[in-house]
Amino acid sequence: EEALELYLDVEQILIRANRSDSSTAMKVYLNISRAYYGMEELDKAQEYFQLASAIDESEVSQFAYIMTPVDRGGTRAAEIREADVIYMEEEAGEYQ
């Protein structure tokens, strides 16, 4: 949940910098989506997945399980491993 708060803060920085359609934003949206998915908040997970997908559908396709309905009340959150963070490649100073 702490990571989610940080990603949501970065989302706001990108919006203020008019970069909500950048490759960095796509990665932030995808990380937010995956965090919500891990918390089993599937509506929010799918909302952010769609934002990421709108920027670069091919790049996010490997995470399409987020859009898959969960069977019989089970969870697919186990598919998310802690090491599967999508890292930003752009300079952080670009948004200050």
C-alpha atoms as a PDB file:
ATOM      1  CA  GLU A   1       0.000   0.000   0.000  1.00  0.00           C
ATOM      2  CA  GLU A   2       2.935   2.307   0.647  1.00  0.00           C
ATOM      3  CA  ALA A   3       4.218   1.753  -2.881  1.00  0.00           C
ATOM      4  CA  LEU A   4       0.753   2.479  -4.246  1.00  0.00           C
ATOM      5  CA  GLU A   5       0.722   5.862  -2.504  1.00  0.00           C
ATOM      6  CA  LEU A   6       4.076   6.711  -4.073  1.00  0.00           C
ATOM      7  CA  TYR A   7       2.891   5.696  -7.543  1.00  0.00           C
ATOM      8  CA  LEU A   8      -0.245   7.812  -7.103  1.00  0.00           C
ATOM      9  CA  ASP A   9       1.975  10.772  -6.129  1.00  0.00           C
ATOM     10  CA  VAL A  10       4.086  10.230  -9.258  1.00  0.00           C
ATOM     11  CA  GLU A  11       0.898  10.091 -11.321  1.00  0.00           C
ATOM     12  CA  GLN A  12      -0.025  13.568 -10.048  1.00  0.00           C
ATOM     13  CA  ILE A  13       3.459  14.886 -10.870  1.00  0.00           C
ATOM     14  CA  LEU A  14       3.136  13.557 -14.416  1.00  0.00           C
ATOM     15  CA  ILE A  15      -0.309  15.098 -14.811  1.00  0.00           C
ATOM     16  CA  ARG A  16       0.980  18.494 -13.615  1.00  0.00           C
ATOM     17  CA  ALA A  17       3.936  18.203 -16.005  1.00  0.00           C
ATOM     18  CA  ASN A  18       1.551  17.461 -18.889  1.00  0.00           C
ATOM     19  CA  ARG A  19       3.155  14.018 -19.309  1.00  0.00           C
ATOM     20  CA  SER A  20       0.168  11.772 -18.599  1.00  0.00           C
ATOM     21  CA  ASP A  21       0.580  10.141 -22.024  1.00  0.00           C
ATOM     22  CA  SER A  22       4.322   9.449 -21.788  1.00  0.00           C
ATOM     23  CA  SER A  23       6.045   6.075 -21.581  1.00  0.00           C
ATOM     24  CA  THR A  24       6.840   6.889 -17.956  1.00  0.00           C
ATOM     25  CA  ALA A  25       3.146   7.458 -17.261  1.00  0.00           C
ATOM     26  CA  MET A  26       2.355   4.128 -18.915  1.00  0.00           C
ATOM     27  CA  LYS A  27       4.738   2.383 -16.521  1.00  0.00           C
ATOM     28  CA  VAL A  28       3.337   4.255 -13.534  1.00  0.00           C
ATOM     29  CA  TYR A  29      -0.233   3.361 -14.523  1.00  0.00           C
ATOM     30  CA  LEU A  30       0.808  -0.260 -14.946  1.00  0.00           C
ATOM     31  CA  ASN A  31       2.463  -0.350 -11.517  1.00  0.00           C
ATOM     32  CA  ILE A  32      -0.645   1.243  -9.976  1.00  0.00           C
ATOM     33  CA  SER A  33      -2.782  -1.325 -11.750  1.00  0.00           C
ATOM     34  CA  ARG A  34      -0.663  -4.187 -10.484  1.00  0.00           C
ATOM     35  CA  ALA A  35      -0.698  -2.804  -6.935  1.00  0.00           C
ATOM     36  CA  TYR A  36      -4.503  -2.622  -6.959  1.00  0.00           C
ATOM     37  CA  TYR A  37      -4.621  -6.120  -8.446  1.00  0.00           C
ATOM     38  CA  GLY A  38      -2.433  -7.419  -5.646  1.00  0.00           C
ATOM     39  CA  MET A  39      -4.840  -5.832  -3.159  1.00  0.00           C
ATOM     40  CA  GLU A  40      -7.709  -7.498  -5.057  1.00  0.00           C
ATOM     41  CA  GLU A  41      -9.273  -4.146  -5.979  1.00  0.00           C
ATOM     42  CA  LEU A  42      -9.982  -5.367  -9.484  1.00  0.00           C
ATOM     43  CA  ASP A  43     -12.068  -2.413 -10.713  1.00  0.00           C
ATOM     44  CA  LYS A  44      -9.251   0.031  -9.929  1.00  0.00           C
ATOM     45  CA  ALA A  45      -6.679  -2.410 -11.336  1.00  0.00           C
ATOM     46  CA  GLN A  46      -8.560  -2.589 -14.627  1.00  0.00           C
ATOM     47  CA  GLU A  47      -9.081   1.190 -14.738  1.00  0.00           C
ATOM     48  CA  TYR A  48      -5.332   1.856 -14.524  1.00  0.00           C
ATOM     49  CA  PHE A  49      -4.515  -1.031 -16.860  1.00  0.00           C
ATOM     50  CA  GLN A  50      -6.735   0.617 -19.485  1.00  0.00           C
ATOM     51  CA  LEU A  51      -4.900   3.931 -19.002  1.00  0.00           C
ATOM     52  CA  ALA A  52      -1.560   2.176 -19.532  1.00  0.00           C
ATOM     53  CA  SER A  53      -2.891   0.227 -22.487  1.00  0.00           C
ATOM     54  CA  ALA A  54      -4.141   3.403 -24.162  1.00  0.00           C
ATOM     55  CA  ILE A  55      -0.551   4.659 -24.227  1.00  0.00           C
ATOM     56  CA  ASP A  56       1.131   1.470 -25.482  1.00  0.00           C
ATOM     57  CA  GLU A  57      -1.023  -1.629 -25.811  1.00  0.00           C
ATOM     58  CA  SER A  58       1.799  -3.906 -26.962  1.00  0.00           C
ATOM     59  CA  GLU A  59       4.020  -2.962 -24.021  1.00  0.00           C
ATOM     60  CA  VAL A  60       1.397  -3.841 -21.406  1.00  0.00           C
ATOM     61  CA  SER A  61       0.085  -6.985 -23.100  1.00  0.00           C
ATOM     62  CA  GLN A  62       2.167  -9.274 -20.862  1.00  0.00           C
ATOM     63  CA  PHE A  63       0.077  -8.046 -17.918  1.00  0.00           C
ATOM     64  CA  ALA A  64      -3.280  -8.750 -19.576  1.00  0.00           C
ATOM     65  CA  TYR A  65      -4.178 -11.122 -16.731  1.00  0.00           C
ATOM     66  CA  ILE A  66      -5.279  -7.985 -14.883  1.00  0.00           C
ATOM     67  CA  MET A  67      -8.253  -7.784 -17.234  1.00  0.00           C
ATOM     68  CA  THR A  68      -9.124 -11.481 -16.808  1.00  0.00           C
ATOM     69  CA  PRO A  69     -12.090 -12.219 -14.547  1.00  0.00           C
ATOM     70  CA  VAL A  70     -11.225 -14.131 -11.390  1.00  0.00           C
ATOM     71  CA  ASP A  71     -12.812 -17.601 -11.248  1.00  0.00           C
ATOM     72  CA  ARG A  72     -14.988 -18.769  -8.349  1.00  0.00           C
ATOM     73  CA  GLY A  73     -14.032 -16.055  -5.899  1.00  0.00           C
ATOM     74  CA  GLY A  74     -10.367 -16.993  -6.136  1.00  0.00           C
ATOM     75  CA  THR A  75      -7.492 -14.651  -6.682  1.00  0.00           C
ATOM     76  CA  ARG A  76      -4.791 -14.364  -9.281  1.00  0.00           C
ATOM     77  CA  ALA A  77      -2.771 -11.956  -7.152  1.00  0.00           C
ATOM     78  CA  ALA A  78      -0.218 -14.715  -6.678  1.00  0.00           C
ATOM     79  CA  GLU A  79       0.903 -13.973 -10.239  1.00  0.00           C
ATOM     80  CA  ILE A  80       2.442 -10.749  -8.990  1.00  0.00           C
ATOM     81  CA  ARG A  81       5.863 -11.195  -7.513  1.00  0.00           C
ATOM     82  CA  GLU A  82       7.585  -8.480  -5.507  1.00  0.00           C
ATOM     83  CA  ALA A  83      10.459  -8.425  -8.004  1.00  0.00           C
ATOM     84  CA  ASP A  84       8.124  -7.624 -10.908  1.00  0.00           C
ATOM     85  CA  VAL A  85       8.308  -3.845 -10.617  1.00  0.00           C
ATOM     86  CA  ILE A  86       8.311  -1.925 -13.869  1.00  0.00           C
ATOM     87  CA  TYR A  87      11.147   0.586 -13.597  1.00  0.00           C
ATOM     88  CA  MET A  88      11.240   4.057 -15.094  1.00  0.00           C
ATOM     89  CA  GLU A  89      13.986   4.800 -17.579  1.00  0.00           C
ATOM     90  CA  GLU A  90      13.545   8.529 -17.984  1.00  0.00           C
ATOM     91  CA  GLU A  91      15.397  11.109 -15.924  1.00  0.00           C
ATOM     92  CA  ALA A  92      13.555  12.030 -12.717  1.00  0.00           C
ATOM     93  CA  GLY A  93      14.659  15.660 -13.043  1.00  0.00           C
ATOM     94  CA  GLU A  94      12.631  15.958 -16.220  1.00  0.00           C
ATOM     95  CA  TYR A  95       9.475  16.444 -14.151  1.00  0.00           C
ATOM     96  CA  GLN A  96      10.648  18.997 -11.593  1.00  0.00           C
END
